[in-house]
Amino acid sequence: MNENSNFHNEAEQSIAQQLGNLVGEGEVEARRIMGDSQYDKMMSFMERSNELTVKQEEARVNYLENLTALQGAMAFSIVFSCVMGLAWSLYFWIK
């Protein structure tokens, strides 16, 4: 009885790990083992997790884009101030 229970737990864990890849008969078997409500909960949890992962990656991309724009603006302002300082110095030197 203990081996049967252990086998059932291992099968359920294996199905839970591979839920995203199940189609057809695998999905039917997962529903039979886990029950419809538990299977639906797991699938909605996985979909929500995937949505959050996509949003997190989108936030990282936005952060990098904004950081790049800021660094570009700072680089331009540093170069511009150096050129203006040189021009100002040359103006007073020639004058």
PDB file of N, CA and C in Angstrom:
ATOM      1  N   MET A   1       0.828  -1.183   0.000  1.00  0.00           N
ATOM      2  CA  MET A   1       0.000   0.000   0.000  1.00  0.00           C
ATOM      3  C   MET A   1       0.872   1.247   0.000  1.00  0.00           C
ATOM      4  N   ASN A   2       1.968   1.211   0.727  1.00  0.00           N
ATOM      5  CA  ASN A   2       2.869   2.350   0.782  1.00  0.00           C
ATOM      6  C   ASN A   2       3.516   2.598  -0.572  1.00  0.00           C
ATOM      7  N   GLU A   3       3.896   1.517  -1.289  1.00  0.00           N
ATOM      8  CA  GLU A   3       4.496   1.672  -2.607  1.00  0.00           C
ATOM      9  C   GLU A   3       3.501   2.259  -3.590  1.00  0.00           C
ATOM     10  N   ASN A   4       2.252   1.860  -3.496  1.00  0.00           N
ATOM     11  CA  ASN A   4       1.208   2.387  -4.369  1.00  0.00           C
ATOM     12  C   ASN A   4       1.002   3.875  -4.114  1.00  0.00           C
ATOM     13  N   SER A   5       0.993   4.263  -2.849  1.00  0.00           N
ATOM     14  CA  SER A   5       0.842   5.671  -2.484  1.00  0.00           C
ATOM     15  C   SER A   5       2.041   6.479  -2.966  1.00  0.00           C
ATOM     16  N   ASN A   6       3.237   5.903  -2.811  1.00  0.00           N
ATOM     17  CA  ASN A   6       4.453   6.570  -3.261  1.00  0.00           C
ATOM     18  C   ASN A   6       4.444   6.743  -4.773  1.00  0.00           C
ATOM     19  N   PHE A   7       4.005   5.705  -5.494  1.00  0.00           N
ATOM     20  CA  PHE A   7       3.916   5.769  -6.952  1.00  0.00           C
ATOM     21  C   PHE A   7       2.931   6.859  -7.376  1.00  0.00           C
ATOM     22  N   HIS A   8       1.791   6.923  -6.684  1.00  0.00           N
ATOM     23  CA  HIS A   8       0.773   7.931  -6.994  1.00  0.00           C
ATOM     24  C   HIS A   8       1.331   9.348  -6.775  1.00  0.00           C
ATOM     25  N   ASN A   9       2.060   9.554  -5.684  1.00  0.00           N
ATOM     26  CA  ASN A   9       2.652  10.859  -5.405  1.00  0.00           C
ATOM     27  C   ASN A   9       3.690  11.239  -6.448  1.00  0.00           C
ATOM     28  N   GLU A  10       4.517  10.274  -6.843  1.00  0.00           N
ATOM     29  CA  GLU A  10       5.528  10.547  -7.867  1.00  0.00           C
ATOM     30  C   GLU A  10       4.876  10.867  -9.212  1.00  0.00           C
ATOM     31  N   ALA A  11       3.815  10.143  -9.543  1.00  0.00           N
ATOM     32  CA  ALA A  11       3.105  10.401 -10.801  1.00  0.00           C
ATOM     33  C   ALA A  11       2.485  11.790 -10.783  1.00  0.00           C
ATOM     34  N   GLU A  12       1.909  12.161  -9.655  1.00  0.00           N
ATOM     35  CA  GLU A  12       1.283  13.484  -9.546  1.00  0.00           C
ATOM     36  C   GLU A  12       2.332  14.594  -9.639  1.00  0.00           C
ATOM     37  N   GLN A  13       3.472  14.413  -9.003  1.00  0.00           N
ATOM     38  CA  GLN A  13       4.542  15.402  -9.081  1.00  0.00           C
ATOM     39  C   GLN A  13       5.077  15.510 -10.500  1.00  0.00           C
ATOM     40  N   SER A  14       5.223  14.384 -11.166  1.00  0.00           N
ATOM     41  CA  SER A  14       5.701  14.385 -12.545  1.00  0.00           C
ATOM     42  C   SER A  14       4.718  15.109 -13.457  1.00  0.00           C
ATOM     43  N   ILE A  15       3.450  14.868 -13.264  1.00  0.00           N
ATOM     44  CA  ILE A  15       2.428  15.538 -14.075  1.00  0.00           C
ATOM     45  C   ILE A  15       2.429  17.029 -13.783  1.00  0.00           C
ATOM     46  N   ALA A  16       2.555  17.401 -12.522  1.00  0.00           N
ATOM     47  CA  ALA A  16       2.548  18.821 -12.160  1.00  0.00           C
ATOM     48  C   ALA A  16       3.728  19.558 -12.777  1.00  0.00           C
ATOM     49  N   GLN A  17       4.865  18.891 -12.906  1.00  0.00           N
ATOM     50  CA  GLN A  17       6.036  19.529 -13.490  1.00  0.00           C
ATOM     51  C   GLN A  17       5.890  19.707 -14.996  1.00  0.00           C
ATOM     52  N   GLN A  18       5.129  18.854 -15.641  1.00  0.00           N
ATOM     53  CA  GLN A  18       5.031  18.870 -17.098  1.00  0.00           C
ATOM     54  C   GLN A  18       3.652  19.289 -17.586  1.00  0.00           C
ATOM     55  N   LEU A  19       2.877  19.992 -16.776  1.00  0.00           N
ATOM     56  CA  LEU A  19       1.520  20.356 -17.157  1.00  0.00           C
ATOM     57  C   LEU A  19       1.470  21.199 -18.426  1.00  0.00           C
ATOM     58  N   GLY A  20       2.442  22.062 -18.619  1.00  0.00           N
ATOM     59  CA  GLY A  20       2.421  22.930 -19.786  1.00  0.00           C
ATOM     60  C   GLY A  20       2.568  22.181 -21.090  1.00  0.00           C
ATOM     61  N   ASN A  21       3.127  20.980 -21.060  1.00  0.00           N
ATOM     62  CA  ASN A  21       3.372  20.212 -22.279  1.00  0.00           C
ATOM     63  C   ASN A  21       2.292  19.178 -22.567  1.00  0.00           C
ATOM     64  N   LEU A  22       1.310  19.041 -21.688  1.00  0.00           N
ATOM     65  CA  LEU A  22       0.312  17.995 -21.858  1.00  0.00           C
ATOM     66  C   LEU A  22      -0.765  18.404 -22.857  1.00  0.00           C
ATOM     67  N   VAL A  23      -1.061  17.508 -23.766  1.00  0.00           N
ATOM     68  CA  VAL A  23      -2.173  17.682 -24.703  1.00  0.00           C
ATOM     69  C   VAL A  23      -2.814  16.322 -24.923  1.00  0.00           C
ATOM     70  N   GLY A  24      -4.048  16.337 -25.341  1.00  0.00           N
ATOM     71  CA  GLY A  24      -4.734  15.098 -25.691  1.00  0.00           C
ATOM     72  C   GLY A  24      -4.871  14.143 -24.531  1.00  0.00           C
ATOM     73  N   GLU A  25      -4.359  12.935 -24.700  1.00  0.00           N
ATOM     74  CA  GLU A  25      -4.519  11.895 -23.693  1.00  0.00           C
ATOM     75  C   GLU A  25      -3.749  12.207 -22.416  1.00  0.00           C
ATOM     76  N   GLY A  26      -2.626  12.910 -22.545  1.00  0.00           N
ATOM     77  CA  GLY A  26      -1.879  13.300 -21.347  1.00  0.00           C
ATOM     78  C   GLY A  26      -2.688  14.227 -20.472  1.00  0.00           C
ATOM     79  N   GLU A  27      -3.424  15.129 -21.103  1.00  0.00           N
ATOM     80  CA  GLU A  27      -4.271  16.053 -20.345  1.00  0.00           C
ATOM     81  C   GLU A  27      -5.417  15.303 -19.673  1.00  0.00           C
ATOM     82  N   VAL A  28      -6.004  14.365 -20.383  1.00  0.00           N
ATOM     83  CA  VAL A  28      -7.089  13.561 -19.817  1.00  0.00           C
ATOM     84  C   VAL A  28      -6.580  12.761 -18.622  1.00  0.00           C
ATOM     85  N   GLU A  29      -5.398  12.193 -18.763  1.00  0.00           N
ATOM     86  CA  GLU A  29      -4.814  11.406 -17.662  1.00  0.00           C
ATOM     87  C   GLU A  29      -4.495  12.305 -16.466  1.00  0.00           C
ATOM     88  N   ALA A  30      -3.987  13.505 -16.747  1.00  0.00           N
ATOM     89  CA  ALA A  30      -3.695  14.442 -15.655  1.00  0.00           C
ATOM     90  C   ALA A  30      -4.976  14.843 -14.940  1.00  0.00           C
ATOM     91  N   ARG A  31      -6.028  15.073 -15.707  1.00  0.00           N
ATOM     92  CA  ARG A  31      -7.314  15.415 -15.078  1.00  0.00           C
ATOM     93  C   ARG A  31      -7.848  14.239 -14.246  1.00  0.00           C
ATOM     94  N   ARG A  32      -7.630  13.026 -14.720  1.00  0.00           N
ATOM     95  CA  ARG A  32      -8.108  11.856 -13.984  1.00  0.00           C
ATOM     96  C   ARG A  32      -7.356  11.709 -12.667  1.00  0.00           C
ATOM     97  N   ILE A  33      -6.039  11.903 -12.715  1.00  0.00           N
ATOM     98  CA  ILE A  33      -5.231  11.721 -11.513  1.00  0.00           C
ATOM     99  C   ILE A  33      -5.436  12.865 -10.528  1.00  0.00           C
ATOM    100  N   MET A  34      -5.404  14.096 -11.028  1.00  0.00           N
ATOM    101  CA  MET A  34      -5.451  15.257 -10.135  1.00  0.00           C
ATOM    102  C   MET A  34      -6.869  15.720  -9.827  1.00  0.00           C
ATOM    103  N   GLY A  35      -7.785  15.427 -10.693  1.00  0.00           N
ATOM    104  CA  GLY A  35      -9.136  15.954 -10.543  1.00  0.00           C
ATOM    105  C   GLY A  35      -9.259  17.234 -11.355  1.00  0.00           C
ATOM    106  N   ASP A  36     -10.461  17.492 -11.836  1.00  0.00           N
ATOM    107  CA  ASP A  36     -10.664  18.650 -12.716  1.00  0.00           C
ATOM    108  C   ASP A  36     -10.349  19.974 -12.029  1.00  0.00           C
ATOM    109  N   SER A  37     -10.822  20.140 -10.808  1.00  0.00           N
ATOM    110  CA  SER A  37     -10.617  21.424 -10.131  1.00  0.00           C
ATOM    111  C   SER A  37      -9.139  21.673  -9.838  1.00  0.00           C
ATOM    112  N   GLN A  38      -8.437  20.634  -9.372  1.00  0.00           N
ATOM    113  CA  GLN A  38      -7.003  20.793  -9.079  1.00  0.00           C
ATOM    114  C   GLN A  38      -6.221  21.065 -10.357  1.00  0.00           C
ATOM    115  N   TYR A  39      -6.573  20.362 -11.443  1.00  0.00           N
ATOM    116  CA  TYR A  39      -5.900  20.573 -12.729  1.00  0.00           C
ATOM    117  C   TYR A  39      -6.126  22.005 -13.223  1.00  0.00           C
ATOM    118  N   ASP A  40      -7.375  22.483 -13.127  1.00  0.00           N
ATOM    119  CA  ASP A  40      -7.674  23.844 -13.560  1.00  0.00           C
ATOM    120  C   ASP A  40      -6.935  24.873 -12.712  1.00  0.00           C
ATOM    121  N   LYS A  41      -6.844  24.631 -11.413  1.00  0.00           N
ATOM    122  CA  LYS A  41      -6.102  25.535 -10.538  1.00  0.00           C
ATOM    123  C   LYS A  41      -4.627  25.581 -10.919  1.00  0.00           C
ATOM    124  N   MET A  42      -4.054  24.409 -11.172  1.00  0.00           N
ATOM    125  CA  MET A  42      -2.633  24.347 -11.552  1.00  0.00           C
ATOM    126  C   MET A  42      -2.398  25.064 -12.879  1.00  0.00           C
ATOM    127  N   MET A  43      -3.289  24.860 -13.842  1.00  0.00           N
ATOM    128  CA  MET A  43      -3.128  25.507 -15.142  1.00  0.00           C
ATOM    129  C   MET A  43      -3.274  27.022 -15.023  1.00  0.00           C
ATOM    130  N   SER A  44      -4.238  27.496 -14.243  1.00  0.00           N
ATOM    131  CA  SER A  44      -4.394  28.941 -14.077  1.00  0.00           C
ATOM    132  C   SER A  44      -3.204  29.528 -13.324  1.00  0.00           C
ATOM    133  N   PHE A  45      -2.671  28.780 -12.362  1.00  0.00           N
ATOM    134  CA  PHE A  45      -1.476  29.226 -11.656  1.00  0.00           C
ATOM    135  C   PHE A  45      -0.295  29.336 -12.610  1.00  0.00           C
ATOM    136  N   MET A  46      -0.128  28.351 -13.483  1.00  0.00           N
ATOM    137  CA  MET A  46       0.981  28.376 -14.433  1.00  0.00           C
ATOM    138  C   MET A  46       0.816  29.516 -15.447  1.00  0.00           C
ATOM    139  N   GLU A  47      -0.409  29.751 -15.912  1.00  0.00           N
ATOM    140  CA  GLU A  47      -0.651  30.862 -16.840  1.00  0.00           C
ATOM    141  C   GLU A  47      -0.344  32.196 -16.175  1.00  0.00           C
ATOM    142  N   ARG A  48      -0.769  32.367 -14.935  1.00  0.00           N
ATOM    143  CA  ARG A  48      -0.504  33.607 -14.196  1.00  0.00           C
ATOM    144  C   ARG A  48       0.999  33.782 -13.978  1.00  0.00           C
ATOM    145  N   SER A  49       1.674  32.697 -13.665  1.00  0.00           N
ATOM    146  CA  SER A  49       3.126  32.741 -13.477  1.00  0.00           C
ATOM    147  C   SER A  49       3.822  33.159 -14.770  1.00  0.00           C
ATOM    148  N   ASN A  50       3.368  32.619 -15.884  1.00  0.00           N
ATOM    149  CA  ASN A  50       3.947  32.996 -17.175  1.00  0.00           C
ATOM    150  C   ASN A  50       3.694  34.468 -17.498  1.00  0.00           C
ATOM    151  N   GLU A  51       2.489  34.958 -17.194  1.00  0.00           N
ATOM    152  CA  GLU A  51       2.182  36.373 -17.416  1.00  0.00           C
ATOM    153  C   GLU A  51       3.095  37.264 -16.581  1.00  0.00           C
ATOM    154  N   LEU A  52       3.298  36.890 -15.320  1.00  0.00           N
ATOM    155  CA  LEU A  52       4.163  37.685 -14.449  1.00  0.00           C
ATOM    156  C   LEU A  52       5.611  37.659 -14.926  1.00  0.00           C
ATOM    157  N   THR A  53       6.049  36.525 -15.439  1.00  0.00           N
ATOM    158  CA  THR A  53       7.407  36.430 -15.975  1.00  0.00           C
ATOM    159  C   THR A  53       7.576  37.342 -17.182  1.00  0.00           C
ATOM    160  N   VAL A  54       6.568  37.371 -18.054  1.00  0.00           N
ATOM    161  CA  VAL A  54       6.630  38.245 -19.228  1.00  0.00           C
ATOM    162  C   VAL A  54       6.640  39.712 -18.800  1.00  0.00           C
ATOM    163  N   LYS A  55       5.814  40.069 -17.822  1.00  0.00           N
ATOM    164  CA  LYS A  55       5.799  41.448 -17.330  1.00  0.00           C
ATOM    165  C   LYS A  55       7.129  41.828 -16.690  1.00  0.00           C
ATOM    166  N   GLN A  56       7.741  40.887 -15.970  1.00  0.00           N
ATOM    167  CA  GLN A  56       9.036  41.153 -15.348  1.00  0.00           C
ATOM    168  C   GLN A  56      10.097  41.398 -16.418  1.00  0.00           C
ATOM    169  N   GLU A  57      10.100  40.592 -17.466  1.00  0.00           N
ATOM    170  CA  GLU A  57      11.057  40.789 -18.554  1.00  0.00           C
ATOM    171  C   GLU A  57      10.801  42.103 -19.274  1.00  0.00           C
ATOM    172  N   GLU A  58       9.535  42.458 -19.436  1.00  0.00           N
ATOM    173  CA  GLU A  58       9.191  43.731 -20.068  1.00  0.00           C
ATOM    174  C   GLU A  58       9.696  44.897 -19.219  1.00  0.00           C
ATOM    175  N   ALA A  59       9.560  44.796 -17.904  1.00  0.00           N
ATOM    176  CA  ALA A  59      10.049  45.843 -17.013  1.00  0.00           C
ATOM    177  C   ALA A  59      11.570  45.954 -17.089  1.00  0.00           C
ATOM    178  N   ARG A  60      12.257  44.827 -17.192  1.00  0.00           N
ATOM    179  CA  ARG A  60      13.718  44.861 -17.318  1.00  0.00           C
ATOM    180  C   ARG A  60      14.143  45.529 -18.619  1.00  0.00           C
ATOM    181  N   VAL A  61      13.444  45.230 -19.708  1.00  0.00           N
ATOM    182  CA  VAL A  61      13.763  45.849 -20.996  1.00  0.00           C
ATOM    183  C   VAL A  61      13.518  47.351 -20.931  1.00  0.00           C
ATOM    184  N   ASN A  62      12.401  47.762 -20.331  1.00  0.00           N
ATOM    185  CA  ASN A  62      12.120  49.197 -20.192  1.00  0.00           C
ATOM    186  C   ASN A  62      13.186  49.886 -19.353  1.00  0.00           C
ATOM    187  N   TYR A  63      13.620  49.243 -18.280  1.00  0.00           N
ATOM    188  CA  TYR A  63      14.662  49.803 -17.433  1.00  0.00           C
ATOM    189  C   TYR A  63      15.952  50.003 -18.220  1.00  0.00           C
ATOM    190  N   LEU A  64      16.338  48.991 -18.994  1.00  0.00           N
ATOM    191  CA  LEU A  64      17.566  49.103 -19.784  1.00  0.00           C
ATOM    192  C   LEU A  64      17.454  50.181 -20.857  1.00  0.00           C
ATOM    193  N   GLU A  65      16.279  50.302 -21.488  1.00  0.00           N
ATOM    194  CA  GLU A  65      16.084  51.352 -22.486  1.00  0.00           C
ATOM    195  C   GLU A  65      16.193  52.737 -21.850  1.00  0.00           C
ATOM    196  N   ASN A  66      15.567  52.911 -20.694  1.00  0.00           N
ATOM    197  CA  ASN A  66      15.630  54.205 -20.012  1.00  0.00           C
ATOM    198  C   ASN A  66      17.042  54.513 -19.529  1.00  0.00           C
ATOM    199  N   LEU A  67      17.734  53.505 -19.028  1.00  0.00           N
ATOM    200  CA  LEU A  67      19.104  53.696 -18.574  1.00  0.00           C
ATOM    201  C   LEU A  67      20.010  54.070 -19.733  1.00  0.00           C
ATOM    202  N   THR A  68      19.814  53.437 -20.874  1.00  0.00           N
ATOM    203  CA  THR A  68      20.599  53.754 -22.058  1.00  0.00           C
ATOM    204  C   THR A  68      20.334  55.180 -22.519  1.00  0.00           C
ATOM    205  N   ALA A  69      19.076  55.594 -22.513  1.00  0.00           N
ATOM    206  CA  ALA A  69      18.737  56.964 -22.904  1.00  0.00           C
ATOM    207  C   ALA A  69      19.363  57.968 -21.943  1.00  0.00           C
ATOM    208  N   LEU A  70      19.330  57.689 -20.657  1.00  0.00           N
ATOM    209  CA  LEU A  70      19.939  58.578 -19.668  1.00  0.00           C
ATOM    210  C   LEU A  70      21.440  58.680 -19.860  1.00  0.00           C
ATOM    211  N   GLN A  71      22.090  57.551 -20.076  1.00  0.00           N
ATOM    212  CA  GLN A  71      23.535  57.566 -20.284  1.00  0.00           C
ATOM    213  C   GLN A  71      23.896  58.298 -21.569  1.00  0.00           C
ATOM    214  N   GLY A  72      23.091  58.152 -22.610  1.00  0.00           N
ATOM    215  CA  GLY A  72      23.325  58.885 -23.853  1.00  0.00           C
ATOM    216  C   GLY A  72      23.195  60.389 -23.656  1.00  0.00           C
ATOM    217  N   ALA A  73      22.174  60.796 -22.904  1.00  0.00           N
ATOM    218  CA  ALA A  73      21.982  62.219 -22.637  1.00  0.00           C
ATOM    219  C   ALA A  73      23.136  62.765 -21.795  1.00  0.00           C
ATOM    220  N   MET A  74      23.583  62.010 -20.830  1.00  0.00           N
ATOM    221  CA  MET A  74      24.700  62.463 -19.996  1.00  0.00           C
ATOM    222  C   MET A  74      25.983  62.554 -20.816  1.00  0.00           C
ATOM    223  N   ALA A  75      26.219  61.582 -21.684  1.00  0.00           N
ATOM    224  CA  ALA A  75      27.416  61.619 -22.531  1.00  0.00           C
ATOM    225  C   ALA A  75      27.382  62.835 -23.441  1.00  0.00           C
ATOM    226  N   PHE A  76      26.230  63.115 -24.029  1.00  0.00           N
ATOM    227  CA  PHE A  76      26.102  64.283 -24.894  1.00  0.00           C
ATOM    228  C   PHE A  76      26.351  65.572 -24.118  1.00  0.00           C
ATOM    229  N   SER A  77      25.794  65.669 -22.914  1.00  0.00           N
ATOM    230  CA  SER A  77      25.980  66.897 -22.130  1.00  0.00           C
ATOM    231  C   SER A  77      27.440  67.066 -21.703  1.00  0.00           C
ATOM    232  N   ILE A  78      28.133  65.987 -21.395  1.00  0.00           N
ATOM    233  CA  ILE A  78      29.551  66.087 -21.015  1.00  0.00           C
ATOM    234  C   ILE A  78      30.384  66.542 -22.202  1.00  0.00           C
ATOM    235  N   VAL A  79      30.144  65.941 -23.368  1.00  0.00           N
ATOM    236  CA  VAL A  79      30.890  66.342 -24.566  1.00  0.00           C
ATOM    237  C   VAL A  79      30.566  67.782 -24.941  1.00  0.00           C
ATOM    238  N   PHE A  80      29.294  68.154 -24.862  1.00  0.00           N
ATOM    239  CA  PHE A  80      28.881  69.517 -25.198  1.00  0.00           C
ATOM    240  C   PHE A  80      29.519  70.528 -24.246  1.00  0.00           C
ATOM    241  N   SER A  81      29.551  70.211 -22.951  1.00  0.00           N
ATOM    242  CA  SER A  81      30.146  71.156 -22.002  1.00  0.00           C
ATOM    243  C   SER A  81      31.658  71.273 -22.216  1.00  0.00           C
ATOM    244  N   CYS A  82      32.326  70.172 -22.576  1.00  0.00           N
ATOM    245  CA  CYS A  82      33.764  70.245 -22.874  1.00  0.00           C
ATOM    246  C   CYS A  82      34.027  71.120 -24.102  1.00  0.00           C
ATOM    247  N   VAL A  83      33.230  70.936 -25.146  1.00  0.00           N
ATOM    248  CA  VAL A  83      33.389  71.741 -26.356  1.00  0.00           C
ATOM    249  C   VAL A  83      33.103  73.209 -26.070  1.00  0.00           C
ATOM    250  N   MET A  84      32.069  73.498 -25.302  1.00  0.00           N
ATOM    251  CA  MET A  84      31.737  74.888 -24.966  1.00  0.00           C
ATOM    252  C   MET A  84      32.837  75.508 -24.095  1.00  0.00           C
ATOM    253  N   GLY A  85      33.374  74.728 -23.169  1.00  0.00           N
ATOM    254  CA  GLY A  85      34.474  75.238 -22.347  1.00  0.00           C
ATOM    255  C   GLY A  85      35.699  75.546 -23.186  1.00  0.00           C
ATOM    256  N   LEU A  86      36.024  74.670 -24.122  1.00  0.00           N
ATOM    257  CA  LEU A  86      37.151  74.906 -25.016  1.00  0.00           C
ATOM    258  C   LEU A  86      36.902  76.119 -25.900  1.00  0.00           C
ATOM    259  N   ALA A  87      35.688  76.240 -26.431  1.00  0.00           N
ATOM    260  CA  ALA A  87      35.357  77.390 -27.276  1.00  0.00           C
ATOM    261  C   ALA A  87      35.422  78.676 -26.471  1.00  0.00           C
ATOM    262  N   TRP A  88      34.934  78.665 -25.264  1.00  0.00           N
ATOM    263  CA  TRP A  88      34.954  79.849 -24.415  1.00  0.00           C
ATOM    264  C   TRP A  88      36.395  80.251 -24.092  1.00  0.00           C
ATOM    265  N   SER A  89      37.228  79.247 -23.793  1.00  0.00           N
ATOM    266  CA  SER A  89      38.635  79.527 -23.504  1.00  0.00           C
ATOM    267  C   SER A  89      39.343  80.101 -24.731  1.00  0.00           C
ATOM    268  N   LEU A  90      39.095  79.524 -25.902  1.00  0.00           N
ATOM    269  CA  LEU A  90      39.692  80.045 -27.130  1.00  0.00           C
ATOM    270  C   LEU A  90      39.208  81.459 -27.434  1.00  0.00           C
ATOM    271  N   TYR A  91      37.950  81.734 -27.168  1.00  0.00           N
ATOM    272  CA  TYR A  91      37.399  83.071 -27.409  1.00  0.00           C
ATOM    273  C   TYR A  91      38.128  84.101 -26.558  1.00  0.00           C
ATOM    274  N   PHE A  92      38.307  83.816 -25.251  1.00  0.00           N
ATOM    275  CA  PHE A  92      39.005  84.782 -24.400  1.00  0.00           C
ATOM    276  C   PHE A  92      40.505  84.839 -24.707  1.00  0.00           C
ATOM    277  N   TRP A  93      41.083  83.751 -25.135  1.00  0.00           N
ATOM    278  CA  TRP A  93      42.499  83.739 -25.460  1.00  0.00           C
ATOM    279  C   TRP A  93      42.774  84.555 -26.710  1.00  0.00           C
ATOM    280  N   ILE A  94      41.920  84.415 -27.748  1.00  0.00           N
ATOM    281  CA  ILE A  94      42.095  85.163 -28.989  1.00  0.00           C
ATOM    282  C   ILE A  94      41.722  86.616 -28.793  1.00  0.00           C
ATOM    283  N   LYS A  95      40.737  86.909 -28.006  1.00  0.00           N
ATOM    284  CA  LYS A  95      40.259  88.267 -27.774  1.00  0.00           C
ATOM    285  C   LYS A  95      41.328  89.007 -27.029  1.00  0.00           C
TER     286      LYS A  95
END
